[in-house]
Amino acid sequence: MKLSRKRLQKPARFELLPLLDVIFLLLIFFIFVMLKMTMQSSIKVELPQLVDSKQPTEQVLTISINSDNQIFINQQITTETLMLAEVMRIQKEKQLENENTQTVPILIRGDKHADLGIALSILDKLRLSGFQQVAFATEKDK
């Protein structure tokens, strides 16, 4: 019995189109994940500059004060009177999610043109309520 040579010598083909589809989808996935990992803040705050400034590396609760002295907690607008109750509510939610964590550090991002009195009032209310991990956000001086 004689086998046909044409059928056995068919060259192997490497299809690139499915491979390009997979690479493109992986690229989109990694871009999306990287954008979600960065700290996004849509509230325009011009931070004061310091010579030695460290960026937070862990998850923090952010309180922002813009140049119009409006107060935001994690990009949700609030008032100074409701701020403490909102912070306590968020802290309790975080503690229920992770039972082994204590309190989430609080970062106050105050615009350099905002009133210092509001930022100090927020800091004082937080400290009197028992929050010890409170810091001010700054930018590193260029």
N, C-alpha and C. Protein backbone atom coordinates (compact mmCIF):
# COMPACT_ATOMS: atom_id res chain seq x y z
N MET A 1 0.85 -1.17 0.00
CA MET A 1 0.00 0.00 0.00
C MET A 1 0.89 1.23 0.00
N LYS A 2 0.64 2.08 -0.91
CA LYS A 2 1.45 3.28 -1.08
C LYS A 2 0.70 4.49 -0.53
N LEU A 3 1.41 5.25 0.36
CA LEU A 3 0.80 6.45 0.95
C LEU A 3 1.13 7.66 0.09
N SER A 4 0.23 8.57 0.03
CA SER A 4 0.44 9.77 -0.76
C SER A 4 1.41 10.72 -0.06
N ARG A 5 2.38 11.24 -0.78
CA ARG A 5 3.37 12.16 -0.23
C ARG A 5 2.78 13.55 -0.01
N LYS A 6 1.84 13.94 -0.81
CA LYS A 6 1.24 15.27 -0.67
C LYS A 6 0.57 15.43 0.69
N ARG A 7 -0.06 14.41 1.12
CA ARG A 7 -0.81 14.47 2.35
C ARG A 7 0.12 14.51 3.57
N LEU A 8 1.24 13.86 3.53
CA LEU A 8 2.17 13.80 4.65
C LEU A 8 3.06 15.03 4.75
N GLN A 9 3.34 15.69 3.66
CA GLN A 9 4.29 16.80 3.67
C GLN A 9 3.60 18.16 3.73
N LYS A 10 2.44 18.22 4.24
CA LYS A 10 1.74 19.50 4.38
C LYS A 10 2.45 20.34 5.44
N PRO A 11 2.89 21.54 5.10
CA PRO A 11 3.66 22.34 6.08
C PRO A 11 2.76 22.80 7.24
N ALA A 12 3.37 22.84 8.42
CA ALA A 12 2.66 23.31 9.61
C ALA A 12 2.49 24.82 9.54
N ARG A 13 1.35 25.29 9.97
CA ARG A 13 1.08 26.74 9.95
C ARG A 13 0.92 27.24 11.37
N PHE A 14 1.45 28.40 11.57
CA PHE A 14 1.35 29.04 12.88
C PHE A 14 0.44 30.25 12.71
N GLU A 15 -0.76 30.14 13.24
CA GLU A 15 -1.75 31.21 13.08
C GLU A 15 -1.47 32.33 14.06
N LEU A 16 -1.29 33.55 13.57
CA LEU A 16 -0.98 34.69 14.42
C LEU A 16 -2.21 35.46 14.89
N LEU A 17 -3.27 35.38 14.15
CA LEU A 17 -4.46 36.17 14.51
C LEU A 17 -5.03 35.82 15.88
N PRO A 18 -5.23 34.55 16.22
CA PRO A 18 -5.71 34.26 17.59
C PRO A 18 -4.71 34.66 18.66
N LEU A 19 -3.42 34.53 18.35
CA LEU A 19 -2.39 34.93 19.31
C LEU A 19 -2.43 36.44 19.55
N LEU A 20 -2.63 37.21 18.50
CA LEU A 20 -2.73 38.67 18.65
C LEU A 20 -3.96 39.06 19.45
N ASP A 21 -5.05 38.35 19.27
CA ASP A 21 -6.26 38.62 20.06
C ASP A 21 -6.01 38.41 21.55
N VAL A 22 -5.34 37.32 21.88
CA VAL A 22 -5.06 37.02 23.28
C VAL A 22 -4.11 38.06 23.87
N ILE A 23 -3.07 38.44 23.12
CA ILE A 23 -2.12 39.45 23.61
C ILE A 23 -2.82 40.79 23.81
N PHE A 24 -3.70 41.15 22.90
CA PHE A 24 -4.43 42.41 23.02
C PHE A 24 -5.33 42.40 24.26
N LEU A 25 -6.02 41.31 24.52
CA LEU A 25 -6.88 41.21 25.70
C LEU A 25 -6.06 41.26 26.98
N LEU A 26 -4.90 40.61 27.00
CA LEU A 26 -4.03 40.69 28.17
C LEU A 26 -3.54 42.12 28.41
N LEU A 27 -3.20 42.80 27.34
CA LEU A 27 -2.76 44.19 27.46
C LEU A 27 -3.86 45.07 28.05
N ILE A 28 -5.07 44.92 27.57
CA ILE A 28 -6.20 45.70 28.10
C ILE A 28 -6.43 45.37 29.57
N PHE A 29 -6.34 44.10 29.93
CA PHE A 29 -6.53 43.70 31.32
C PHE A 29 -5.49 44.34 32.22
N PHE A 30 -4.21 44.29 31.83
CA PHE A 30 -3.16 44.85 32.68
C PHE A 30 -3.26 46.38 32.77
N ILE A 31 -3.64 47.04 31.71
CA ILE A 31 -3.82 48.49 31.77
C ILE A 31 -4.95 48.83 32.74
N PHE A 32 -6.05 48.10 32.65
CA PHE A 32 -7.18 48.35 33.54
C PHE A 32 -6.80 48.11 35.00
N VAL A 33 -6.08 47.04 35.27
CA VAL A 33 -5.67 46.73 36.65
C VAL A 33 -4.72 47.80 37.18
N MET A 34 -3.79 48.24 36.37
CA MET A 34 -2.83 49.27 36.81
C MET A 34 -3.54 50.60 37.10
N LEU A 35 -4.53 50.93 36.31
CA LEU A 35 -5.27 52.17 36.57
C LEU A 35 -6.06 52.08 37.87
N LYS A 36 -6.57 50.92 38.19
CA LYS A 36 -7.32 50.75 39.43
C LYS A 36 -6.40 50.73 40.64
N MET A 37 -5.13 50.35 40.46
CA MET A 37 -4.21 50.27 41.58
C MET A 37 -3.69 51.63 42.00
N THR A 38 -3.65 52.58 41.08
CA THR A 38 -3.13 53.90 41.43
C THR A 38 -4.18 54.66 42.21
N MET A 39 -3.71 55.55 43.05
CA MET A 39 -4.62 56.35 43.87
C MET A 39 -5.19 57.47 43.00
N GLN A 40 -6.45 57.35 42.66
CA GLN A 40 -7.12 58.32 41.82
C GLN A 40 -7.85 59.33 42.70
N SER A 41 -7.66 60.58 42.41
CA SER A 41 -8.36 61.62 43.15
C SER A 41 -8.86 62.65 42.16
N SER A 42 -10.17 62.79 42.07
CA SER A 42 -10.73 63.74 41.13
C SER A 42 -10.99 65.10 41.77
N ILE A 43 -10.73 65.23 43.06
CA ILE A 43 -10.91 66.50 43.74
C ILE A 43 -9.63 67.30 43.56
N LYS A 44 -9.73 68.50 43.00
CA LYS A 44 -8.55 69.30 42.72
C LYS A 44 -8.04 69.90 44.02
N VAL A 45 -6.90 69.38 44.47
CA VAL A 45 -6.27 69.84 45.70
C VAL A 45 -4.81 70.10 45.38
N GLU A 46 -4.36 71.31 45.66
CA GLU A 46 -2.96 71.67 45.46
C GLU A 46 -2.25 71.50 46.80
N LEU A 47 -1.47 70.42 46.92
CA LEU A 47 -0.85 70.07 48.20
C LEU A 47 0.34 70.96 48.49
N PRO A 48 0.58 71.25 49.77
CA PRO A 48 1.80 71.98 50.13
C PRO A 48 3.02 71.10 49.88
N GLN A 49 4.17 71.74 49.68
CA GLN A 49 5.38 71.00 49.36
C GLN A 49 6.35 70.98 50.53
N LEU A 50 6.95 69.82 50.75
CA LEU A 50 7.97 69.65 51.77
C LEU A 50 9.21 69.05 51.13
N VAL A 51 10.36 69.21 51.79
CA VAL A 51 11.60 68.66 51.26
C VAL A 51 11.58 67.14 51.35
N ASP A 52 11.17 66.59 52.49
CA ASP A 52 11.14 65.14 52.69
C ASP A 52 9.69 64.72 52.86
N SER A 53 9.11 64.13 51.83
CA SER A 53 7.71 63.74 51.86
C SER A 53 7.59 62.28 51.44
N LYS A 54 6.86 61.47 52.23
CA LYS A 54 6.69 60.05 51.93
C LYS A 54 5.26 59.81 51.49
N GLN A 55 5.09 58.97 50.47
CA GLN A 55 3.76 58.62 49.98
C GLN A 55 3.24 57.41 50.74
N PRO A 56 1.94 57.39 51.07
CA PRO A 56 1.39 56.23 51.79
C PRO A 56 1.39 54.99 50.89
N THR A 57 1.72 53.84 51.47
CA THR A 57 1.77 52.61 50.70
C THR A 57 0.60 51.68 51.02
N GLU A 58 -0.12 51.94 52.08
CA GLU A 58 -1.22 51.07 52.46
C GLU A 58 -2.54 51.77 52.20
N GLN A 59 -3.63 51.05 52.40
CA GLN A 59 -4.95 51.62 52.19
C GLN A 59 -5.25 52.64 53.29
N VAL A 60 -5.69 53.81 52.88
CA VAL A 60 -5.98 54.88 53.83
C VAL A 60 -7.37 55.43 53.58
N LEU A 61 -7.91 56.08 54.60
CA LEU A 61 -9.15 56.83 54.49
C LEU A 61 -8.76 58.27 54.19
N THR A 62 -9.21 58.81 53.08
CA THR A 62 -8.77 60.13 52.65
C THR A 62 -9.84 61.18 52.94
N ILE A 63 -9.42 62.23 53.65
CA ILE A 63 -10.27 63.41 53.87
C ILE A 63 -9.63 64.54 53.09
N SER A 64 -10.36 65.09 52.11
CA SER A 64 -9.82 66.15 51.25
C SER A 64 -10.51 67.47 51.56
N ILE A 65 -9.74 68.54 51.51
CA ILE A 65 -10.28 69.89 51.68
C ILE A 65 -9.82 70.67 50.46
N ASN A 66 -10.76 71.14 49.64
CA ASN A 66 -10.36 71.88 48.44
C ASN A 66 -10.19 73.36 48.76
N SER A 67 -9.85 74.15 47.75
CA SER A 67 -9.57 75.57 47.98
C SER A 67 -10.81 76.36 48.40
N ASP A 68 -12.00 75.81 48.16
CA ASP A 68 -13.25 76.46 48.58
C ASP A 68 -13.68 76.01 49.97
N ASN A 69 -12.79 75.31 50.69
CA ASN A 69 -13.03 74.81 52.05
C ASN A 69 -14.17 73.79 52.11
N GLN A 70 -14.40 73.05 51.03
CA GLN A 70 -15.37 71.97 51.04
C GLN A 70 -14.64 70.71 51.50
N ILE A 71 -15.33 69.87 52.29
CA ILE A 71 -14.73 68.67 52.86
C ILE A 71 -15.27 67.45 52.13
N PHE A 72 -14.36 66.55 51.73
CA PHE A 72 -14.71 65.32 51.04
C PHE A 72 -14.11 64.15 51.81
N ILE A 73 -14.88 63.08 51.96
CA ILE A 73 -14.38 61.83 52.53
C ILE A 73 -14.44 60.79 51.42
N ASN A 74 -13.27 60.32 50.99
CA ASN A 74 -13.17 59.37 49.87
C ASN A 74 -14.02 59.85 48.69
N GLN A 75 -13.86 61.10 48.32
CA GLN A 75 -14.49 61.76 47.17
C GLN A 75 -16.00 61.96 47.33
N GLN A 76 -16.54 61.80 48.55
CA GLN A 76 -17.94 62.09 48.83
C GLN A 76 -18.00 63.37 49.66
N ILE A 77 -18.74 64.37 49.19
CA ILE A 77 -18.79 65.65 49.90
C ILE A 77 -19.56 65.47 51.21
N THR A 78 -19.09 66.18 52.23
CA THR A 78 -19.72 66.14 53.55
C THR A 78 -19.51 67.49 54.22
N THR A 79 -20.09 67.65 55.38
CA THR A 79 -19.90 68.87 56.15
C THR A 79 -19.01 68.57 57.34
N GLU A 80 -18.54 69.61 57.99
CA GLU A 80 -17.65 69.42 59.13
C GLU A 80 -18.38 68.76 60.30
N THR A 81 -19.67 69.01 60.43
CA THR A 81 -20.42 68.42 61.54
C THR A 81 -20.70 66.93 61.31
N LEU A 82 -20.90 66.53 60.05
CA LEU A 82 -21.19 65.13 59.75
C LEU A 82 -19.93 64.31 59.49
N MET A 83 -18.78 64.97 59.40
CA MET A 83 -17.54 64.32 59.02
C MET A 83 -17.16 63.22 60.00
N LEU A 84 -17.21 63.48 61.29
CA LEU A 84 -16.78 62.51 62.30
C LEU A 84 -17.66 61.27 62.29
N ALA A 85 -18.97 61.44 62.16
CA ALA A 85 -19.88 60.29 62.11
C ALA A 85 -19.61 59.44 60.87
N GLU A 86 -19.33 60.08 59.75
CA GLU A 86 -19.03 59.36 58.51
C GLU A 86 -17.72 58.59 58.62
N VAL A 87 -16.70 59.20 59.23
CA VAL A 87 -15.41 58.52 59.42
C VAL A 87 -15.59 57.30 60.32
N MET A 88 -16.35 57.44 61.39
CA MET A 88 -16.58 56.30 62.29
C MET A 88 -17.33 55.18 61.60
N ARG A 89 -18.30 55.54 60.75
CA ARG A 89 -19.05 54.53 60.01
C ARG A 89 -18.14 53.77 59.05
N ILE A 90 -17.29 54.49 58.33
CA ILE A 90 -16.37 53.84 57.38
C ILE A 90 -15.36 52.96 58.12
N GLN A 91 -14.87 53.43 59.26
CA GLN A 91 -13.91 52.65 60.04
C GLN A 91 -14.55 51.35 60.52
N LYS A 92 -15.82 51.42 60.95
CA LYS A 92 -16.50 50.20 61.42
C LYS A 92 -16.68 49.22 60.26
N GLU A 93 -17.01 49.73 59.06
CA GLU A 93 -17.15 48.86 57.89
C GLU A 93 -15.83 48.17 57.58
N LYS A 94 -14.74 48.93 57.64
CA LYS A 94 -13.41 48.36 57.35
C LYS A 94 -13.04 47.31 58.38
N GLN A 95 -13.39 47.54 59.64
CA GLN A 95 -13.07 46.57 60.69
C GLN A 95 -13.91 45.31 60.54
N LEU A 96 -15.15 45.43 60.06
CA LEU A 96 -15.97 44.26 59.85
C LEU A 96 -15.46 43.44 58.67
N GLU A 97 -14.92 44.12 57.63
CA GLU A 97 -14.35 43.41 56.48
C GLU A 97 -13.13 42.61 56.90
N ASN A 98 -12.22 43.26 57.60
CA ASN A 98 -10.98 42.62 58.05
C ASN A 98 -10.96 42.65 59.57
N GLU A 99 -11.34 41.57 60.17
CA GLU A 99 -11.45 41.53 61.63
C GLU A 99 -10.11 41.66 62.33
N ASN A 100 -9.01 41.34 61.64
CA ASN A 100 -7.70 41.41 62.28
C ASN A 100 -7.09 42.81 62.23
N THR A 101 -7.65 43.74 61.45
CA THR A 101 -7.09 45.09 61.39
C THR A 101 -7.73 45.96 62.46
N GLN A 102 -6.95 46.94 62.91
CA GLN A 102 -7.48 47.87 63.89
C GLN A 102 -8.16 49.01 63.13
N THR A 103 -7.60 50.19 63.16
CA THR A 103 -8.19 51.30 62.43
C THR A 103 -7.38 51.57 61.18
N VAL A 104 -8.06 52.03 60.15
CA VAL A 104 -7.41 52.39 58.90
C VAL A 104 -6.79 53.76 59.08
N PRO A 105 -5.55 53.97 58.65
CA PRO A 105 -4.94 55.30 58.77
C PRO A 105 -5.74 56.35 58.00
N ILE A 106 -5.76 57.56 58.54
CA ILE A 106 -6.51 58.66 57.92
C ILE A 106 -5.51 59.65 57.35
N LEU A 107 -5.75 60.05 56.09
CA LEU A 107 -4.88 61.00 55.41
C LEU A 107 -5.69 62.25 55.10
N ILE A 108 -5.24 63.39 55.60
CA ILE A 108 -5.92 64.66 55.33
C ILE A 108 -5.19 65.34 54.17
N ARG A 109 -5.89 65.53 53.05
CA ARG A 109 -5.32 66.18 51.88
C ARG A 109 -5.92 67.59 51.82
N GLY A 110 -5.20 68.57 52.33
CA GLY A 110 -5.69 69.93 52.35
C GLY A 110 -5.02 70.78 51.29
N ASP A 111 -5.83 71.51 50.53
CA ASP A 111 -5.29 72.44 49.54
C ASP A 111 -4.49 73.52 50.26
N LYS A 112 -3.40 73.96 49.67
CA LYS A 112 -2.57 74.95 50.36
C LYS A 112 -3.25 76.32 50.43
N HIS A 113 -4.34 76.51 49.67
CA HIS A 113 -5.08 77.77 49.74
C HIS A 113 -6.31 77.65 50.64
N ALA A 114 -6.56 76.47 51.21
CA ALA A 114 -7.69 76.28 52.12
C ALA A 114 -7.33 76.86 53.49
N ASP A 115 -8.36 77.10 54.30
CA ASP A 115 -8.13 77.62 55.64
C ASP A 115 -7.48 76.56 56.52
N LEU A 116 -6.44 76.97 57.21
CA LEU A 116 -5.75 76.05 58.11
C LEU A 116 -6.64 75.66 59.28
N GLY A 117 -7.53 76.54 59.67
CA GLY A 117 -8.41 76.27 60.81
C GLY A 117 -9.29 75.07 60.59
N ILE A 118 -9.77 74.87 59.37
CA ILE A 118 -10.64 73.72 59.09
C ILE A 118 -9.85 72.43 59.22
N ALA A 119 -8.63 72.40 58.67
CA ALA A 119 -7.80 71.20 58.75
C ALA A 119 -7.45 70.88 60.20
N LEU A 120 -7.12 71.90 60.98
CA LEU A 120 -6.78 71.67 62.38
C LEU A 120 -8.01 71.26 63.19
N SER A 121 -9.17 71.78 62.84
CA SER A 121 -10.40 71.39 63.51
C SER A 121 -10.71 69.91 63.24
N ILE A 122 -10.52 69.49 61.99
CA ILE A 122 -10.74 68.08 61.64
C ILE A 122 -9.75 67.20 62.39
N LEU A 123 -8.48 67.61 62.42
CA LEU A 123 -7.46 66.84 63.13
C LEU A 123 -7.80 66.74 64.62
N ASP A 124 -8.24 67.84 65.22
CA ASP A 124 -8.59 67.84 66.64
C ASP A 124 -9.77 66.91 66.93
N LYS A 125 -10.81 66.97 66.09
CA LYS A 125 -11.98 66.10 66.28
C LYS A 125 -11.60 64.63 66.15
N LEU A 126 -10.74 64.32 65.19
CA LEU A 126 -10.32 62.93 65.01
C LEU A 126 -9.49 62.43 66.19
N ARG A 127 -8.58 63.27 66.67
CA ARG A 127 -7.73 62.87 67.80
C ARG A 127 -8.55 62.71 69.07
N LEU A 128 -9.52 63.60 69.30
CA LEU A 128 -10.36 63.49 70.49
C LEU A 128 -11.27 62.26 70.43
N SER A 129 -11.56 61.79 69.23
CA SER A 129 -12.40 60.59 69.06
C SER A 129 -11.60 59.30 69.14
N GLY A 130 -10.28 59.41 69.32
CA GLY A 130 -9.47 58.22 69.50
C GLY A 130 -8.69 57.76 68.29
N PHE A 131 -8.75 58.49 67.19
CA PHE A 131 -7.99 58.12 66.00
C PHE A 131 -6.58 58.67 66.15
N GLN A 132 -5.59 57.77 66.19
CA GLN A 132 -4.21 58.19 66.39
C GLN A 132 -3.40 58.20 65.09
N GLN A 133 -3.82 57.45 64.10
CA GLN A 133 -3.09 57.38 62.84
C GLN A 133 -3.66 58.39 61.85
N VAL A 134 -3.36 59.65 62.07
CA VAL A 134 -3.84 60.74 61.21
C VAL A 134 -2.61 61.49 60.71
N ALA A 135 -2.57 61.75 59.40
CA ALA A 135 -1.43 62.45 58.81
C ALA A 135 -1.92 63.43 57.75
N PHE A 136 -1.08 64.39 57.42
CA PHE A 136 -1.35 65.36 56.37
C PHE A 136 -0.61 64.95 55.10
N ALA A 137 -1.25 65.05 53.95
CA ALA A 137 -0.60 64.74 52.68
C ALA A 137 0.17 65.96 52.19
N THR A 138 1.37 65.72 51.67
CA THR A 138 2.19 66.78 51.09
C THR A 138 2.82 66.25 49.81
N GLU A 139 3.38 67.16 49.03
CA GLU A 139 4.13 66.78 47.85
C GLU A 139 5.59 67.03 48.14
N LYS A 140 6.45 66.24 47.52
CA LYS A 140 7.89 66.41 47.69
C LYS A 140 8.33 67.63 46.91
N ASP A 141 9.10 68.51 47.57
CA ASP A 141 9.61 69.71 46.94
C ASP A 141 10.60 69.34 45.85
N LYS A 142 10.44 69.97 44.71
CA LYS A 142 11.30 69.63 43.55
C LYS A 142 12.62 70.34 43.60
